[in-house]
Amino acid sequence: MGKRIILARHGQDEDNANGILNGRRDMPLTPKGVSQAYELVKNIKRSGLHISLVLSSPLKRALGTAEICCDKLKVPYKVLDYLIERNHGILEGHPYSDIPILAKSYVEIFGFTYVLEVEGGEGYPELLIRASGVLSKIKEFVKKLDLEGDTLVVSHGAISRAMIVANRGLTWRDLI
């Protein structure tokens, strides 16, 4: 069985660069995002991690990051649809500044705005439930492969944070 599951967020995409809440929008990496993917590879090599497999969300920004990692680390990758980012409902494609206008509820902490509930979107309680299932699926998938090294999971900020919270047995309130 693989030793560890390492979570990494994708590099910058066009929406990130423009201050747009992307969620499940499928935008490609920017040149900065490509550079960030190469930096991820450098950090993995520098840390001494032995990656045997990369798992990726199907969205272009994660897939582009994963492909660079696989190419440079000389390992295979697999796309897993359930690694997709949180659904931000009617906020997707809007600037972050629209959160107070469009979100049903949100909280601002240390200069960051967290959407708790939005029309047509995935709230934090639902996200944590999904993340717990995603983490279980990843563990089962990796166990079946009986890998010698670590597994790199390239996905998104919200689902990655939710997987960490789920793994620690915390509540959805711990996501913010």
Protein backbone atom coordinates (compact mmCIF):
# COMPACT_ATOMS: atom_id res chain seq x y z
CA MET A 1 0.00 0.00 0.00
CA GLY A 2 1.18 3.53 -0.73
CA LYS A 3 2.69 5.24 2.24
CA ARG A 4 0.97 8.60 2.20
CA ILE A 5 -1.60 10.64 0.35
CA ILE A 6 -0.17 14.07 -0.46
CA LEU A 7 -2.68 16.80 -1.32
CA ALA A 8 -1.74 19.62 -3.70
CA ARG A 9 -3.79 22.46 -5.11
CA HIS A 10 -3.60 23.16 -8.84
CA GLY A 11 -1.64 26.08 -10.24
CA GLN A 12 -3.23 29.42 -11.02
CA ASP A 13 -5.86 29.44 -13.76
CA GLU A 14 -7.39 32.33 -15.68
CA ASP A 15 -10.26 32.79 -13.20
CA ASN A 16 -7.85 32.83 -10.25
CA ALA A 17 -5.77 35.52 -11.99
CA ASN A 18 -8.87 37.64 -12.62
CA GLY A 19 -10.42 37.36 -9.13
CA ILE A 20 -13.28 35.19 -10.38
CA LEU A 21 -14.85 32.47 -8.25
CA ASN A 22 -14.48 29.50 -10.55
CA GLY A 23 -15.69 26.43 -8.64
CA ARG A 24 -16.40 23.95 -11.43
CA ARG A 25 -15.70 26.33 -14.31
CA ASP A 26 -13.03 24.74 -16.47
CA MET A 27 -10.32 27.28 -17.23
CA PRO A 28 -6.73 26.46 -18.23
CA LEU A 29 -3.58 27.25 -16.31
CA THR A 30 -1.98 30.64 -16.79
CA PRO A 31 1.78 30.85 -17.44
CA LYS A 32 2.13 31.51 -13.69
CA GLY A 33 0.08 28.34 -13.01
CA VAL A 34 2.40 26.31 -15.24
CA SER A 35 5.38 27.75 -13.34
CA GLN A 36 3.70 26.83 -10.04
CA ALA A 37 3.28 23.24 -11.26
CA TYR A 38 6.99 23.02 -12.03
CA GLU A 39 7.73 24.50 -8.60
CA LEU A 40 5.55 21.79 -7.04
CA VAL A 41 7.70 19.16 -8.76
CA LYS A 42 10.87 20.83 -7.47
CA ASN A 43 9.48 20.86 -3.93
CA ILE A 44 8.49 17.19 -4.15
CA LYS A 45 11.97 16.23 -5.32
CA ARG A 46 13.64 18.46 -2.72
CA SER A 47 11.54 16.93 0.07
CA GLY A 48 12.58 13.39 -0.81
CA LEU A 49 9.02 12.20 -1.38
CA HIS A 50 8.74 9.14 -3.58
CA ILE A 51 5.59 9.60 -5.66
CA SER A 52 4.30 6.47 -7.38
CA LEU A 53 1.01 7.80 -8.74
CA VAL A 54 -0.80 11.09 -9.30
CA LEU A 55 -4.56 11.35 -8.99
CA SER A 56 -6.26 14.38 -10.53
CA SER A 57 -9.54 16.21 -10.70
CA PRO A 58 -10.91 16.32 -14.26
CA LEU A 59 -10.82 20.13 -14.44
CA LYS A 60 -8.17 21.62 -16.75
CA ARG A 61 -6.33 23.51 -14.02
CA ALA A 62 -5.80 20.37 -11.92
CA LEU A 63 -5.20 18.11 -14.89
CA GLY A 64 -2.60 20.50 -16.33
CA THR A 65 -0.79 20.58 -12.99
CA ALA A 66 -0.97 16.78 -12.69
CA GLU A 67 0.35 16.21 -16.22
CA ILE A 68 3.41 18.38 -15.52
CA CYS A 69 4.04 16.48 -12.28
CA CYS A 70 3.69 13.11 -14.01
CA ASP A 71 5.98 14.09 -16.85
CA LYS A 72 8.73 15.35 -14.57
CA LEU A 73 8.34 12.64 -11.90
CA LYS A 74 7.99 9.88 -14.51
CA VAL A 75 4.86 8.39 -12.93
CA PRO A 76 1.36 7.62 -14.22
CA TYR A 77 -1.77 9.53 -13.37
CA LYS A 78 -5.44 8.77 -13.16
CA VAL A 79 -8.34 11.22 -13.40
CA LEU A 80 -10.99 10.75 -10.72
CA ASP A 81 -14.20 12.68 -11.31
CA TYR A 82 -15.03 12.83 -7.60
CA LEU A 83 -11.99 15.07 -6.97
CA ILE A 84 -13.84 17.94 -8.65
CA GLU A 85 -14.03 21.27 -6.83
CA ARG A 86 -16.89 22.48 -4.68
CA ASN A 87 -19.96 23.62 -6.58
CA HIS A 88 -20.34 27.35 -5.96
CA GLY A 89 -23.78 27.55 -7.59
CA ILE A 90 -24.83 30.97 -8.84
CA LEU A 91 -21.52 32.48 -7.69
CA GLU A 92 -19.46 30.63 -10.29
CA GLY A 93 -18.08 33.06 -12.84
CA HIS A 94 -18.65 36.07 -10.59
CA PRO A 95 -15.94 38.17 -8.96
CA TYR A 96 -15.25 37.51 -5.29
CA SER A 97 -16.70 40.96 -4.58
CA ASP A 98 -20.17 39.57 -5.49
CA ILE A 99 -20.15 37.09 -2.60
CA PRO A 100 -21.94 39.47 -0.17
CA ILE A 101 -24.57 40.19 -2.81
CA LEU A 102 -25.28 36.64 -4.05
CA ALA A 103 -24.46 34.27 -1.18
CA LYS A 104 -27.22 33.19 1.20
CA SER A 105 -24.67 33.25 4.01
CA TYR A 106 -20.96 33.91 4.30
CA VAL A 107 -18.34 34.83 6.87
CA GLU A 108 -15.25 37.02 6.63
CA ILE A 109 -12.21 35.91 8.60
CA PHE A 110 -8.73 37.46 8.41
CA GLY A 111 -9.47 39.09 5.05
CA PHE A 112 -10.92 35.95 3.46
CA THR A 113 -14.59 35.52 2.59
CA TYR A 114 -16.01 32.03 3.01
CA VAL A 115 -19.32 31.14 1.38
CA LEU A 116 -21.36 29.04 3.77
CA GLU A 117 -24.46 28.67 1.63
CA VAL A 118 -25.30 29.70 -1.93
CA GLU A 119 -28.21 29.01 -4.25
CA GLY A 120 -27.56 25.95 -6.41
CA GLY A 121 -24.26 25.29 -4.64
CA GLU A 122 -22.68 22.95 -2.17
CA GLY A 123 -22.73 24.17 1.44
CA TYR A 124 -19.99 23.30 3.90
CA PRO A 125 -21.94 20.48 5.61
CA GLU A 126 -22.52 18.81 2.21
CA LEU A 127 -18.93 19.43 1.15
CA LEU A 128 -17.58 17.73 4.28
CA ILE A 129 -19.80 14.69 3.73
CA ARG A 130 -18.63 14.45 0.11
CA ALA A 131 -14.99 14.95 1.13
CA SER A 132 -15.19 12.13 3.65
CA GLY A 133 -16.47 9.82 0.90
CA VAL A 134 -13.81 11.06 -1.53
CA LEU A 135 -11.05 10.37 0.98
CA SER A 136 -12.38 6.85 1.56
CA LYS A 137 -12.51 6.21 -2.19
CA ILE A 138 -8.94 7.43 -2.64
CA LYS A 139 -7.71 5.21 0.20
CA GLU A 140 -9.51 2.18 -1.28
CA PHE A 141 -8.21 2.92 -4.78
CA VAL A 142 -4.61 3.29 -3.60
CA LYS A 143 -4.84 0.19 -1.39
CA LYS A 144 -5.91 -1.95 -4.37
CA LEU A 145 -2.88 -0.77 -6.34
CA ASP A 146 -0.48 -1.74 -3.53
CA LEU A 147 1.92 1.10 -4.35
CA GLU A 148 5.37 1.35 -2.84
CA GLY A 149 5.51 5.14 -2.81
CA ASP A 150 3.26 8.06 -2.00
CA THR A 151 0.23 9.20 -3.96
CA LEU A 152 -0.03 12.83 -5.04
CA VAL A 153 -3.61 14.11 -5.29
CA VAL A 154 -3.93 17.26 -7.41
CA SER A 155 -7.27 18.91 -6.89
CA HIS A 156 -8.71 22.13 -5.50
CA GLY A 157 -8.64 24.28 -2.40
CA ALA A 158 -12.09 23.66 -0.94
CA ILE A 159 -12.25 19.89 -1.48
CA SER A 160 -8.66 19.47 -0.24
CA ARG A 161 -9.35 21.44 2.95
CA ALA A 162 -12.51 19.41 3.45
CA MET A 163 -10.59 16.13 3.07
CA ILE A 164 -8.09 17.29 5.71
CA VAL A 165 -10.92 18.24 8.09
CA ALA A 166 -12.70 14.92 7.44
CA ASN A 167 -9.49 12.96 8.03
CA ARG A 168 -9.05 14.70 11.39
CA GLY A 169 -12.65 13.93 12.40
CA LEU A 170 -13.58 17.60 12.73
CA THR A 171 -16.84 19.35 11.82
CA TRP A 172 -17.77 21.48 8.82
CA ARG A 173 -17.25 24.60 10.96
CA ASP A 174 -13.56 23.71 11.05
CA LEU A 175 -13.38 24.31 7.28
CA ILE A 176 -13.34 28.06 7.85
